């Protein structure tokens, strides 16, 4: 059985739960730029939208994002990978206020029924 991730603090503005369709509507996955045993990294662009920017995506058409993606399934291995990505997010998130030149800035953590993602 897959363990639930701890809930983000109520004031969190960079952790989102989306449907797979909303993720598809919001991000254009351009190309896979890396992969490993646990997932892959993609070059993405936000899709143009009307209205205010929400859920960690900008409306800037030229903005590029690196997206670290882990596929989710109902296995203990997948649960460990998602927990690992969650822990990585907590670490890179600490650099938001004081960025490090060698670390890509963190934007958001997104969970969908099929994926767990970090956008940077």
PDB file of N, CA and C in Angstrom:
ATOM      1  N   UNK A   1       0.842  -1.175   0.000  1.00  0.00           N
ATOM      2  CA  UNK A   1       0.000   0.000   0.000  1.00  0.00           C
ATOM      3  C   UNK A   1       0.888   1.239   0.000  1.00  0.00           C
ATOM      4  N   UNK A   2       0.533   2.238  -0.805  1.00  0.00           N
ATOM      5  CA  UNK A   2       1.318   3.451  -0.935  1.00  0.00           C
ATOM      6  C   UNK A   2       1.043   4.377   0.235  1.00  0.00           C
ATOM      7  N   UNK A   3       2.124   4.852   0.876  1.00  0.00           N
ATOM      8  CA  UNK A   3       1.991   5.771   2.006  1.00  0.00           C
ATOM      9  C   UNK A   3       1.673   7.168   1.493  1.00  0.00           C
ATOM     10  N   UNK A   4       0.850   7.881   2.217  1.00  0.00           N
ATOM     11  CA  UNK A   4       0.490   9.241   1.840  1.00  0.00           C
ATOM     12  C   UNK A   4       1.645  10.182   2.149  1.00  0.00           C
ATOM     13  N   UNK A   5       1.820  11.179   1.283  1.00  0.00           N
ATOM     14  CA  UNK A   5       2.827  12.203   1.543  1.00  0.00           C
ATOM     15  C   UNK A   5       2.305  13.134   2.621  1.00  0.00           C
ATOM     16  N   UNK A   6       3.217  13.687   3.439  1.00  0.00           N
ATOM     17  CA  UNK A   6       2.749  14.640   4.432  1.00  0.00           C
ATOM     18  C   UNK A   6       2.160  15.860   3.744  1.00  0.00           C
ATOM     19  N   UNK A   7       1.159  16.449   4.343  1.00  0.00           N
ATOM     20  CA  UNK A   7       0.522  17.619   3.767  1.00  0.00           C
ATOM     21  C   UNK A   7       1.439  18.825   3.875  1.00  0.00           C
ATOM     22  N   UNK A   8       1.445  19.679   2.832  1.00  0.00           N
ATOM     23  CA  UNK A   8       2.228  20.902   2.931  1.00  0.00           C
ATOM     24  C   UNK A   8       1.561  21.857   3.915  1.00  0.00           C
ATOM     25  N   UNK A   9       2.323  22.803   4.433  1.00  0.00           N
ATOM     26  CA  UNK A   9       1.709  23.779   5.336  1.00  0.00           C
ATOM     27  C   UNK A   9       0.603  24.543   4.613  1.00  0.00           C
ATOM     28  N   UNK A  10      -0.417  24.989   5.353  1.00  0.00           N
ATOM     29  CA  UNK A  10      -1.543  25.665   4.699  1.00  0.00           C
ATOM     30  C   UNK A  10      -1.117  26.914   3.934  1.00  0.00           C
ATOM     31  N   UNK A  11      -0.023  27.573   4.341  1.00  0.00           N
ATOM     32  CA  UNK A  11       0.417  28.790   3.667  1.00  0.00           C
ATOM     33  C   UNK A  11       1.240  28.492   2.412  1.00  0.00           C
ATOM     34  N   UNK A  12       1.447  27.226   2.090  1.00  0.00           N
ATOM     35  CA  UNK A  12       2.257  26.840   0.946  1.00  0.00           C
ATOM     36  C   UNK A  12       1.609  27.301  -0.353  1.00  0.00           C
ATOM     37  N   UNK A  13       2.422  27.906  -1.220  1.00  0.00           N
ATOM     38  CA  UNK A  13       1.932  28.369  -2.518  1.00  0.00           C
ATOM     39  C   UNK A  13       2.694  27.713  -3.658  1.00  0.00           C
ATOM     40  N   UNK A  14       3.445  26.661  -3.365  1.00  0.00           N
ATOM     41  CA  UNK A  14       4.258  26.035  -4.400  1.00  0.00           C
ATOM     42  C   UNK A  14       4.104  24.514  -4.432  1.00  0.00           C
ATOM     43  N   UNK A  15       3.064  23.990  -3.798  1.00  0.00           N
ATOM     44  CA  UNK A  15       2.758  22.564  -3.815  1.00  0.00           C
ATOM     45  C   UNK A  15       1.324  22.422  -4.311  1.00  0.00           C
ATOM     46  N   UNK A  16       1.148  21.610  -5.382  1.00  0.00           N
ATOM     47  CA  UNK A  16      -0.144  21.534  -6.029  1.00  0.00           C
ATOM     48  C   UNK A  16      -0.545  20.093  -6.317  1.00  0.00           C
ATOM     49  N   UNK A  17      -1.819  19.829  -6.249  1.00  0.00           N
ATOM     50  CA  UNK A  17      -2.394  18.564  -6.664  1.00  0.00           C
ATOM     51  C   UNK A  17      -3.269  18.870  -7.873  1.00  0.00           C
ATOM     52  N   UNK A  18      -2.922  18.273  -9.014  1.00  0.00           N
ATOM     53  CA  UNK A  18      -3.633  18.526 -10.261  1.00  0.00           C
ATOM     54  C   UNK A  18      -4.080  17.220 -10.878  1.00  0.00           C
ATOM     55  N   UNK A  19      -5.045  17.308 -11.761  1.00  0.00           N
ATOM     56  CA  UNK A  19      -5.389  16.134 -12.562  1.00  0.00           C
ATOM     57  C   UNK A  19      -4.366  16.017 -13.693  1.00  0.00           C
ATOM     58  N   UNK A  20      -4.252  14.833 -14.274  1.00  0.00           N
ATOM     59  CA  UNK A  20      -3.352  14.658 -15.412  1.00  0.00           C
ATOM     60  C   UNK A  20      -3.751  15.582 -16.565  1.00  0.00           C
ATOM     61  N   UNK A  21      -5.054  15.761 -16.758  1.00  0.00           N
ATOM     62  CA  UNK A  21      -5.533  16.617 -17.845  1.00  0.00           C
ATOM     63  C   UNK A  21      -5.129  18.069 -17.632  1.00  0.00           C
ATOM     64  N   UNK A  22      -5.247  18.573 -16.406  1.00  0.00           N
ATOM     65  CA  UNK A  22      -4.860  19.959 -16.121  1.00  0.00           C
ATOM     66  C   UNK A  22      -3.357  20.128 -16.352  1.00  0.00           C
ATOM     67  N   UNK A  23      -2.561  19.153 -15.931  1.00  0.00           N
ATOM     68  CA  UNK A  23      -1.119  19.218 -16.184  1.00  0.00           C
ATOM     69  C   UNK A  23      -0.861  19.297 -17.690  1.00  0.00           C
ATOM     70  N   UNK A  24      -1.530  18.462 -18.464  1.00  0.00           N
ATOM     71  CA  UNK A  24      -1.385  18.460 -19.917  1.00  0.00           C
ATOM     72  C   UNK A  24      -1.838  19.785 -20.526  1.00  0.00           C
ATOM     73  N   UNK A  25      -2.878  20.383 -19.965  1.00  0.00           N
ATOM     74  CA  UNK A  25      -3.378  21.667 -20.450  1.00  0.00           C
ATOM     75  C   UNK A  25      -2.427  22.813 -20.131  1.00  0.00           C
ATOM     76  N   UNK A  26      -1.611  22.660 -19.099  1.00  0.00           N
ATOM     77  CA  UNK A  26      -0.752  23.754 -18.622  1.00  0.00           C
ATOM     78  C   UNK A  26       0.697  23.689 -19.089  1.00  0.00           C
ATOM     79  N   UNK A  27       1.208  22.488 -19.372  1.00  0.00           N
ATOM     80  CA  UNK A  27       2.621  22.346 -19.738  1.00  0.00           C
ATOM     81  C   UNK A  27       2.778  21.657 -21.084  1.00  0.00           C
ATOM     82  N   UNK A  28       3.697  22.189 -21.886  1.00  0.00           N
ATOM     83  CA  UNK A  28       4.089  21.542 -23.139  1.00  0.00           C
ATOM     84  C   UNK A  28       5.438  20.874 -22.891  1.00  0.00           C
ATOM     85  N   UNK A  29       5.469  19.544 -22.950  1.00  0.00           N
ATOM     86  CA  UNK A  29       6.698  18.792 -22.760  1.00  0.00           C
ATOM     87  C   UNK A  29       7.441  18.786 -24.094  1.00  0.00           C
ATOM     88  N   UNK A  30       8.562  19.510 -24.178  1.00  0.00           N
ATOM     89  CA  UNK A  30       9.285  19.704 -25.435  1.00  0.00           C
ATOM     90  C   UNK A  30      10.208  18.535 -25.734  1.00  0.00           C
ATOM     91  N   UNK A  31      11.107  18.227 -24.800  1.00  0.00           N
ATOM     92  CA  UNK A  31      12.009  17.095 -25.020  1.00  0.00           C
ATOM     93  C   UNK A  31      12.562  16.572 -23.706  1.00  0.00           C
ATOM     94  N   UNK A  32      12.817  15.285 -23.704  1.00  0.00           N
ATOM     95  CA  UNK A  32      13.444  14.654 -22.545  1.00  0.00           C
ATOM     96  C   UNK A  32      14.927  15.014 -22.590  1.00  0.00           C
ATOM     97  N   UNK A  33      15.441  15.582 -21.495  1.00  0.00           N
ATOM     98  CA  UNK A  33      16.844  16.006 -21.478  1.00  0.00           C
ATOM     99  C   UNK A  33      17.700  15.136 -20.561  1.00  0.00           C
ATOM    100  N   UNK A  34      17.083  14.206 -19.876  1.00  0.00           N
ATOM    101  CA  UNK A  34      17.826  13.279 -19.036  1.00  0.00           C
ATOM    102  C   UNK A  34      16.896  12.240 -18.443  1.00  0.00           C
ATOM    103  N   UNK A  35      17.478  11.102 -18.023  1.00  0.00           N
ATOM    104  CA  UNK A  35      16.668  10.069 -17.394  1.00  0.00           C
ATOM    105  C   UNK A  35      17.572   9.207 -16.527  1.00  0.00           C
ATOM    106  N   UNK A  36      16.948   8.513 -15.628  1.00  0.00           N
ATOM    107  CA  UNK A  36      17.666   7.610 -14.748  1.00  0.00           C
ATOM    108  C   UNK A  36      16.746   6.501 -14.292  1.00  0.00           C
ATOM    109  N   UNK A  37      17.182   5.776 -13.275  1.00  0.00           N
ATOM    110  CA  UNK A  37      16.391   4.662 -12.759  1.00  0.00           C
ATOM    111  C   UNK A  37      15.067   5.115 -12.152  1.00  0.00           C
ATOM    112  N   UNK A  38      15.011   6.317 -11.651  1.00  0.00           N
ATOM    113  CA  UNK A  38      13.835   6.754 -10.909  1.00  0.00           C
ATOM    114  C   UNK A  38      12.897   7.651 -11.694  1.00  0.00           C
ATOM    115  N   UNK A  39      13.337   8.196 -12.809  1.00  0.00           N
ATOM    116  CA  UNK A  39      12.467   9.095 -13.544  1.00  0.00           C
ATOM    117  C   UNK A  39      13.207   9.770 -14.675  1.00  0.00           C
ATOM    118  N   UNK A  40      12.685  10.916 -15.089  1.00  0.00           N
ATOM    119  CA  UNK A  40      13.272  11.639 -16.203  1.00  0.00           C
ATOM    120  C   UNK A  40      13.176  13.138 -15.955  1.00  0.00           C
ATOM    121  N   UNK A  41      13.951  13.889 -16.741  1.00  0.00           N
ATOM    122  CA  UNK A  41      13.929  15.350 -16.687  1.00  0.00           C
ATOM    123  C   UNK A  41      13.563  15.841 -18.076  1.00  0.00           C
ATOM    124  N   UNK A  42      12.624  16.773 -18.110  1.00  0.00           N
ATOM    125  CA  UNK A  42      12.098  17.287 -19.366  1.00  0.00           C
ATOM    126  C   UNK A  42      12.273  18.794 -19.464  1.00  0.00           C
ATOM    127  N   UNK A  43      12.512  19.272 -20.674  1.00  0.00           N
ATOM    128  CA  UNK A  43      12.446  20.690 -20.978  1.00  0.00           C
ATOM    129  C   UNK A  43      10.988  20.975 -21.324  1.00  0.00           C
ATOM    130  N   UNK A  44      10.397  21.942 -20.646  1.00  0.00           N
ATOM    131  CA  UNK A  44       8.973  22.259 -20.848  1.00  0.00           C
ATOM    132  C   UNK A  44       8.784  23.758 -21.007  1.00  0.00           C
ATOM    133  N   UNK A  45       7.642  24.118 -21.542  1.00  0.00           N
ATOM    134  CA  UNK A  45       7.177  25.504 -21.600  1.00  0.00           C
ATOM    135  C   UNK A  45       5.732  25.537 -21.120  1.00  0.00           C
ATOM    136  N   UNK A  46       5.385  26.579 -20.369  1.00  0.00           N
ATOM    137  CA  UNK A  46       3.961  26.734 -20.017  1.00  0.00           C
ATOM    138  C   UNK A  46       3.158  27.009 -21.286  1.00  0.00           C
ATOM    139  N   UNK A  47       1.974  26.424 -21.361  1.00  0.00           N
ATOM    140  CA  UNK A  47       1.078  26.703 -22.487  1.00  0.00           C
ATOM    141  C   UNK A  47       0.377  28.032 -22.228  1.00  0.00           C
ATOM    142  N   UNK A  48       0.116  28.796 -23.286  1.00  0.00           N
ATOM    143  CA  UNK A  48      -0.592  30.068 -23.100  1.00  0.00           C
ATOM    144  C   UNK A  48      -1.962  29.840 -22.476  1.00  0.00           C
ATOM    145  N   UNK A  49      -2.300  30.709 -21.537  1.00  0.00           N
ATOM    146  CA  UNK A  49      -3.588  30.604 -20.850  1.00  0.00           C
ATOM    147  C   UNK A  49      -4.176  31.984 -20.705  1.00  0.00           C
ATOM    148  N   UNK A  50      -5.457  32.025 -20.490  1.00  0.00           N
ATOM    149  CA  UNK A  50      -6.108  33.289 -20.177  1.00  0.00           C
ATOM    150  C   UNK A  50      -6.264  33.369 -18.675  1.00  0.00           C
ATOM    151  N   UNK A  51      -6.313  34.572 -18.155  1.00  0.00           N
ATOM    152  CA  UNK A  51      -6.491  34.745 -16.713  1.00  0.00           C
ATOM    153  C   UNK A  51      -5.162  34.781 -15.986  1.00  0.00           C
ATOM    154  N   UNK A  52      -5.232  34.825 -14.672  1.00  0.00           N
ATOM    155  CA  UNK A  52      -4.045  34.946 -13.827  1.00  0.00           C
ATOM    156  C   UNK A  52      -3.249  33.650 -13.808  1.00  0.00           C
ATOM    157  N   UNK A  53      -1.953  33.791 -13.595  1.00  0.00           N
ATOM    158  CA  UNK A  53      -1.078  32.628 -13.466  1.00  0.00           C
ATOM    159  C   UNK A  53      -1.374  31.917 -12.162  1.00  0.00           C
ATOM    160  N   UNK A  54      -1.482  30.577 -12.227  1.00  0.00           N
ATOM    161  CA  UNK A  54      -1.776  29.782 -11.040  1.00  0.00           C
ATOM    162  C   UNK A  54      -0.994  28.484 -11.109  1.00  0.00           C
ATOM    163  N   UNK A  55      -0.913  27.816  -9.980  1.00  0.00           N
ATOM    164  CA  UNK A  55      -0.335  26.482  -9.899  1.00  0.00           C
ATOM    165  C   UNK A  55       1.101  26.393 -10.395  1.00  0.00           C
ATOM    166  N   UNK A  56       1.901  27.450 -10.119  1.00  0.00           N
ATOM    167  CA  UNK A  56       3.324  27.387 -10.376  1.00  0.00           C
ATOM    168  C   UNK A  56       3.747  27.599 -11.810  1.00  0.00           C
ATOM    169  N   UNK A  57       2.826  27.957 -12.711  1.00  0.00           N
ATOM    170  CA  UNK A  57       3.183  28.154 -14.103  1.00  0.00           C
ATOM    171  C   UNK A  57       3.011  29.614 -14.465  1.00  0.00           C
ATOM    172  N   UNK A  58       3.962  30.141 -15.182  1.00  0.00           N
ATOM    173  CA  UNK A  58       3.899  31.505 -15.666  1.00  0.00           C
ATOM    174  C   UNK A  58       3.153  31.531 -16.990  1.00  0.00           C
ATOM    175  N   UNK A  59       2.642  32.684 -17.353  1.00  0.00           N
ATOM    176  CA  UNK A  59       2.012  32.842 -18.653  1.00  0.00           C
ATOM    177  C   UNK A  59       3.009  33.330 -19.700  1.00  0.00           C
ATOM    178  N   UNK A  60       4.287  33.518 -19.316  1.00  0.00           N
ATOM    179  CA  UNK A  60       5.308  33.980 -20.250  1.00  0.00           C
ATOM    180  C   UNK A  60       5.579  32.890 -21.291  1.00  0.00           C
ATOM    181  N   UNK A  61       5.317  33.170 -22.580  1.00  0.00           N
ATOM    182  CA  UNK A  61       5.459  32.131 -23.598  1.00  0.00           C
ATOM    183  C   UNK A  61       6.907  31.686 -23.818  1.00  0.00           C
ATOM    184  N   UNK A  62       7.872  32.529 -23.466  1.00  0.00           N
ATOM    185  CA  UNK A  62       9.273  32.170 -23.689  1.00  0.00           C
ATOM    186  C   UNK A  62       9.927  31.544 -22.454  1.00  0.00           C
ATOM    187  N   UNK A  63       9.190  31.387 -21.378  1.00  0.00           N
ATOM    188  CA  UNK A  63       9.753  30.787 -20.172  1.00  0.00           C
ATOM    189  C   UNK A  63      10.012  29.301 -20.410  1.00  0.00           C
ATOM    190  N   UNK A  64      11.181  28.844 -19.975  1.00  0.00           N
ATOM    191  CA  UNK A  64      11.510  27.427 -20.055  1.00  0.00           C
ATOM    192  C   UNK A  64      11.584  26.881 -18.640  1.00  0.00           C
ATOM    193  N   UNK A  65      11.137  25.659 -18.471  1.00  0.00           N
ATOM    194  CA  UNK A  65      11.186  24.988 -17.180  1.00  0.00           C
ATOM    195  C   UNK A  65      11.882  23.641 -17.343  1.00  0.00           C
ATOM    196  N   UNK A  66      12.640  23.278 -16.332  1.00  0.00           N
ATOM    197  CA  UNK A  66      13.113  21.909 -16.219  1.00  0.00           C
ATOM    198  C   UNK A  66      12.121  21.209 -15.311  1.00  0.00           C
ATOM    199  N   UNK A  67      11.644  20.045 -15.717  1.00  0.00           N
ATOM    200  CA  UNK A  67      10.659  19.311 -14.931  1.00  0.00           C
ATOM    201  C   UNK A  67      11.211  17.924 -14.642  1.00  0.00           C
ATOM    202  N   UNK A  68      11.421  17.648 -13.359  1.00  0.00           N
ATOM    203  CA  UNK A  68      11.850  16.314 -12.933  1.00  0.00           C
ATOM    204  C   UNK A  68      10.583  15.528 -12.655  1.00  0.00           C
ATOM    205  N   UNK A  69      10.439  14.383 -13.313  1.00  0.00           N
ATOM    206  CA  UNK A  69       9.185  13.645 -13.313  1.00  0.00           C
ATOM    207  C   UNK A  69       9.404  12.203 -12.863  1.00  0.00           C
ATOM    208  N   UNK A  70       8.556  11.742 -11.961  1.00  0.00           N
ATOM    209  CA  UNK A  70       8.543  10.346 -11.517  1.00  0.00           C
ATOM    210  C   UNK A  70       7.156   9.792 -11.823  1.00  0.00           C
ATOM    211  N   UNK A  71       7.102   8.659 -12.525  1.00  0.00           N
ATOM    212  CA  UNK A  71       5.821   7.999 -12.794  1.00  0.00           C
ATOM    213  C   UNK A  71       5.328   7.355 -11.501  1.00  0.00           C
ATOM    214  N   UNK A  72       4.028   7.459 -11.251  1.00  0.00           N
ATOM    215  CA  UNK A  72       3.432   6.869 -10.060  1.00  0.00           C
ATOM    216  C   UNK A  72       2.687   5.598 -10.423  1.00  0.00           C
ATOM    217  N   UNK A  73       2.803   4.618  -9.569  1.00  0.00           N
ATOM    218  CA  UNK A  73       1.998   3.401  -9.652  1.00  0.00           C
ATOM    219  C   UNK A  73       1.837   2.894  -8.228  1.00  0.00           C
ATOM    220  N   UNK A  74       1.058   1.892  -8.043  1.00  0.00           N
ATOM    221  CA  UNK A  74       0.771   1.406  -6.693  1.00  0.00           C
ATOM    222  C   UNK A  74       1.765   0.326  -6.274  1.00  0.00           C
ATOM    223  N   UNK A  75       3.043   0.724  -6.195  1.00  0.00           N
ATOM    224  CA  UNK A  75       4.075  -0.190  -5.725  1.00  0.00           C
ATOM    225  C   UNK A  75       4.882   0.481  -4.627  1.00  0.00           C
ATOM    226  N   UNK A  76       5.518  -0.308  -3.791  1.00  0.00           N
ATOM    227  CA  UNK A  76       6.338   0.272  -2.717  1.00  0.00           C
ATOM    228  C   UNK A  76       7.541   1.001  -3.303  1.00  0.00           C
ATOM    229  N   UNK A  77       8.063   0.524  -4.429  1.00  0.00           N
ATOM    230  CA  UNK A  77       9.194   1.197  -5.067  1.00  0.00           C
ATOM    231  C   UNK A  77       8.799   2.590  -5.525  1.00  0.00           C
ATOM    232  N   UNK A  78       7.638   2.703  -6.150  1.00  0.00           N
ATOM    233  CA  UNK A  78       7.161   4.012  -6.595  1.00  0.00           C
ATOM    234  C   UNK A  78       6.928   4.932  -5.410  1.00  0.00           C
ATOM    235  N   UNK A  79       6.354   4.418  -4.349  1.00  0.00           N
ATOM    236  CA  UNK A  79       6.120   5.231  -3.155  1.00  0.00           C
ATOM    237  C   UNK A  79       7.448   5.778  -2.622  1.00  0.00           C
ATOM    238  N   UNK A  80       8.489   4.957  -2.626  1.00  0.00           N
ATOM    239  CA  UNK A  80       9.806   5.409  -2.167  1.00  0.00           C
ATOM    240  C   UNK A  80      10.360   6.493  -3.086  1.00  0.00           C
ATOM    241  N   UNK A  81      10.144   6.347  -4.384  1.00  0.00           N
ATOM    242  CA  UNK A  81      10.623   7.354  -5.338  1.00  0.00           C
ATOM    243  C   UNK A  81       9.903   8.685  -5.145  1.00  0.00           C
ATOM    244  N   UNK A  82       8.605   8.644  -4.938  1.00  0.00           N
ATOM    245  CA  UNK A  82       7.838   9.872  -4.723  1.00  0.00           C
ATOM    246  C   UNK A  82       8.268  10.531  -3.412  1.00  0.00           C
ATOM    247  N   UNK A  83       8.469   9.734  -2.357  1.00  0.00           N
ATOM    248  CA  UNK A  83       8.964  10.295  -1.087  1.00  0.00           C
ATOM    249  C   UNK A  83      10.338  10.929  -1.277  1.00  0.00           C
ATOM    250  N   UNK A  84      11.198  10.291  -2.059  1.00  0.00           N
ATOM    251  CA  UNK A  84      12.523  10.833  -2.328  1.00  0.00           C
ATOM    252  C   UNK A  84      12.427  12.165  -3.074  1.00  0.00           C
ATOM    253  N   UNK A  85      11.535  12.244  -4.063  1.00  0.00           N
ATOM    254  CA  UNK A  85      11.332  13.488  -4.795  1.00  0.00           C
ATOM    255  C   UNK A  85      10.785  14.568  -3.865  1.00  0.00           C
ATOM    256  N   UNK A  86       9.866  14.201  -2.980  1.00  0.00           N
ATOM    257  CA  UNK A  86       9.312  15.134  -1.989  1.00  0.00           C
ATOM    258  C   UNK A  86      10.435  15.670  -1.100  1.00  0.00           C
ATOM    259  N   UNK A  87      11.316  14.785  -0.643  1.00  0.00           N
ATOM    260  CA  UNK A  87      12.436  15.219   0.201  1.00  0.00           C
ATOM    261  C   UNK A  87      13.402  16.112  -0.572  1.00  0.00           C
ATOM    262  N   UNK A  88      13.652  15.783  -1.830  1.00  0.00           N
ATOM    263  CA  UNK A  88      14.499  16.638  -2.663  1.00  0.00           C
ATOM    264  C   UNK A  88      13.872  18.012  -2.808  1.00  0.00           C
ATOM    265  N   UNK A  89      12.559  18.057  -3.022  1.00  0.00           N
ATOM    266  CA  UNK A  89      11.865  19.335  -3.139  1.00  0.00           C
ATOM    267  C   UNK A  89      12.056  20.170  -1.880  1.00  0.00           C
ATOM    268  N   UNK A  90      11.942  19.542  -0.715  1.00  0.00           N
ATOM    269  CA  UNK A  90      12.100  20.298   0.528  1.00  0.00           C
ATOM    270  C   UNK A  90      13.499  20.895   0.640  1.00  0.00           C
ATOM    271  N   UNK A  91      14.497  20.184   0.127  1.00  0.00           N
ATOM    272  CA  UNK A  91      15.878  20.696   0.180  1.00  0.00           C
ATOM    273  C   UNK A  91      16.064  21.856  -0.798  1.00  0.00           C
ATOM    274  N   UNK A  92      15.699  21.662  -2.074  1.00  0.00           N
ATOM    275  CA  UNK A  92      15.919  22.738  -3.056  1.00  0.00           C
ATOM    276  C   UNK A  92      15.016  23.937  -2.774  1.00  0.00           C
ATOM    277  N   UNK A  93      13.902  23.709  -2.151  1.00  0.00           N
ATOM    278  CA  UNK A  93      12.998  24.805  -1.791  1.00  0.00           C
ATOM    279  C   UNK A  93      13.652  25.754  -0.790  1.00  0.00           C
ATOM    280  N   UNK A  94      14.549  25.239   0.060  1.00  0.00           N
ATOM    281  CA  UNK A  94      15.208  26.105   1.050  1.00  0.00           C
ATOM    282  C   UNK A  94      16.094  27.157   0.391  1.00  0.00           C
ATOM    283  N   UNK A  95      16.464  26.936  -0.881  1.00  0.00           N
ATOM    284  CA  UNK A  95      17.303  27.908  -1.588  1.00  0.00           C
ATOM    285  C   UNK A  95      16.488  28.995  -2.285  1.00  0.00           C
ATOM    286  N   UNK A  96      15.172  28.968  -2.158  1.00  0.00           N
ATOM    287  CA  UNK A  96      14.331  29.974  -2.814  1.00  0.00           C
ATOM    288  C   UNK A  96      14.666  31.384  -2.344  1.00  0.00           C
ATOM    289  N   UNK A  97      14.816  31.547  -1.039  1.00  0.00           N
ATOM    290  CA  UNK A  97      15.069  32.871  -0.474  1.00  0.00           C
ATOM    291  C   UNK A  97      16.512  33.320  -0.695  1.00  0.00           C
ATOM    292  N   UNK A  98      17.429  32.366  -0.793  1.00  0.00           N
ATOM    293  CA  UNK A  98      18.844  32.680  -0.956  1.00  0.00           C
ATOM    294  C   UNK A  98      19.421  31.750  -2.025  1.00  0.00           C
ATOM    295  N   UNK A  99      19.179  32.058  -3.316  1.00  0.00           N
ATOM    296  CA  UNK A  99      19.569  31.146  -4.395  1.00  0.00           C
ATOM    297  C   UNK A  99      21.070  30.855  -4.429  1.00  0.00           C
ATOM    298  N   UNK A 100      21.405  29.667  -4.856  1.00  0.00           N
ATOM    299  CA  UNK A 100      22.786  29.240  -5.045  1.00  0.00           C
ATOM    300  C   UNK A 100      23.058  29.215  -6.551  1.00  0.00           C
ATOM    301  N   UNK A 101      24.199  29.741  -7.012  1.00  0.00           N
ATOM    302  CA  UNK A 101      24.440  29.816  -8.460  1.00  0.00           C
ATOM    303  C   UNK A 101      24.535  28.463  -9.161  1.00  0.00           C
ATOM    304  N   UNK A 102      24.777  27.389  -8.423  1.00  0.00           N
ATOM    305  CA  UNK A 102      24.916  26.072  -9.042  1.00  0.00           C
ATOM    306  C   UNK A 102      23.660  25.214  -8.930  1.00  0.00           C
ATOM    307  N   UNK A 103      22.578  25.781  -8.399  1.00  0.00           N
ATOM    308  CA  UNK A 103      21.341  25.026  -8.232  1.00  0.00           C
ATOM    309  C   UNK A 103      20.224  25.733  -8.994  1.00  0.00           C
ATOM    310  N   UNK A 104      19.549  24.989  -9.861  1.00  0.00           N
ATOM    311  CA  UNK A 104      18.435  25.556 -10.622  1.00  0.00           C
ATOM    312  C   UNK A 104      17.333  25.934  -9.637  1.00  0.00           C
ATOM    313  N   UNK A 105      16.784  27.149  -9.737  1.00  0.00           N
ATOM    314  CA  UNK A 105      15.748  27.589  -8.785  1.00  0.00           C
ATOM    315  C   UNK A 105      14.490  26.712  -8.829  1.00  0.00           C
ATOM    316  N   UNK A 106      13.974  26.399  -7.676  1.00  0.00           N
ATOM    317  CA  UNK A 106      12.749  25.610  -7.503  1.00  0.00           C
ATOM    318  C   UNK A 106      11.534  26.489  -7.754  1.00  0.00           C
ATOM    319  N   UNK A 107      10.546  25.944  -8.480  1.00  0.00           N
ATOM    320  CA  UNK A 107       9.276  26.648  -8.683  1.00  0.00           C
ATOM    321  C   UNK A 107       8.132  25.970  -7.945  1.00  0.00           C
ATOM    322  N   UNK A 108       7.950  24.647  -8.178  1.00  0.00           N
ATOM    323  CA  UNK A 108       6.793  24.008  -7.558  1.00  0.00           C
ATOM    324  C   UNK A 108       6.954  22.490  -7.507  1.00  0.00           C
ATOM    325  N   UNK A 109       6.162  21.895  -6.632  1.00  0.00           N
ATOM    326  CA  UNK A 109       6.012  20.442  -6.553  1.00  0.00           C
ATOM    327  C   UNK A 109       4.580  20.156  -6.965  1.00  0.00           C
ATOM    328  N   UNK A 110       4.411  19.222  -7.897  1.00  0.00           N
ATOM    329  CA  UNK A 110       3.080  18.905  -8.406  1.00  0.00           C
ATOM    330  C   UNK A 110       2.877  17.399  -8.308  1.00  0.00           C
ATOM    331  N   UNK A 111       1.714  17.027  -7.835  1.00  0.00           N
ATOM    332  CA  UNK A 111       1.347  15.605  -7.777  1.00  0.00           C
ATOM    333  C   UNK A 111       0.078  15.430  -8.594  1.00  0.00           C
ATOM    334  N   UNK A 112       0.074  14.426  -9.463  1.00  0.00           N
ATOM    335  CA  UNK A 112      -1.120  14.071 -10.235  1.00  0.00           C
ATOM    336  C   UNK A 112      -1.364  12.590  -9.991  1.00  0.00           C
ATOM    337  N   UNK A 113      -2.464  12.058 -10.471  1.00  0.00           N
ATOM    338  CA  UNK A 113      -2.680  10.617 -10.298  1.00  0.00           C
ATOM    339  C   UNK A 113      -1.583   9.758 -10.943  1.00  0.00           C
ATOM    340  N   UNK A 114      -0.926  10.269 -11.994  1.00  0.00           N
ATOM    341  CA  UNK A 114       0.071   9.470 -12.708  1.00  0.00           C
ATOM    342  C   UNK A 114       1.517   9.872 -12.457  1.00  0.00           C
ATOM    343  N   UNK A 115       1.744  11.109 -11.964  1.00  0.00           N
ATOM    344  CA  UNK A 115       3.099  11.634 -11.858  1.00  0.00           C
ATOM    345  C   UNK A 115       3.306  12.411 -10.568  1.00  0.00           C
ATOM    346  N   UNK A 116       4.582  12.498 -10.173  1.00  0.00           N
ATOM    347  CA  UNK A 116       5.044  13.466  -9.175  1.00  0.00           C
ATOM    348  C   UNK A 116       6.123  14.268  -9.889  1.00  0.00           C
ATOM    349  N   UNK A 117       6.082  15.599  -9.762  1.00  0.00           N
ATOM    350  CA  UNK A 117       6.993  16.449 -10.521  1.00  0.00           C
ATOM    351  C   UNK A 117       7.561  17.566  -9.640  1.00  0.00           C
ATOM    352  N   UNK A 118       8.771  17.953  -9.951  1.00  0.00           N
ATOM    353  CA  UNK A 118       9.365  19.196  -9.442  1.00  0.00           C
ATOM    354  C   UNK A 118       9.583  20.069 -10.654  1.00  0.00           C
ATOM    355  N   UNK A 119       9.089  21.312 -10.615  1.00  0.00           N
ATOM    356  CA  UNK A 119       9.365  22.257 -11.704  1.00  0.00           C
ATOM    357  C   UNK A 119      10.433  23.215 -11.220  1.00  0.00           C
ATOM    358  N   UNK A 120      11.381  23.449 -12.114  1.00  0.00           N
ATOM    359  CA  UNK A 120      12.512  24.329 -11.786  1.00  0.00           C
ATOM    360  C   UNK A 120      12.750  25.285 -12.944  1.00  0.00           C
TER     361      UNK A 120
END
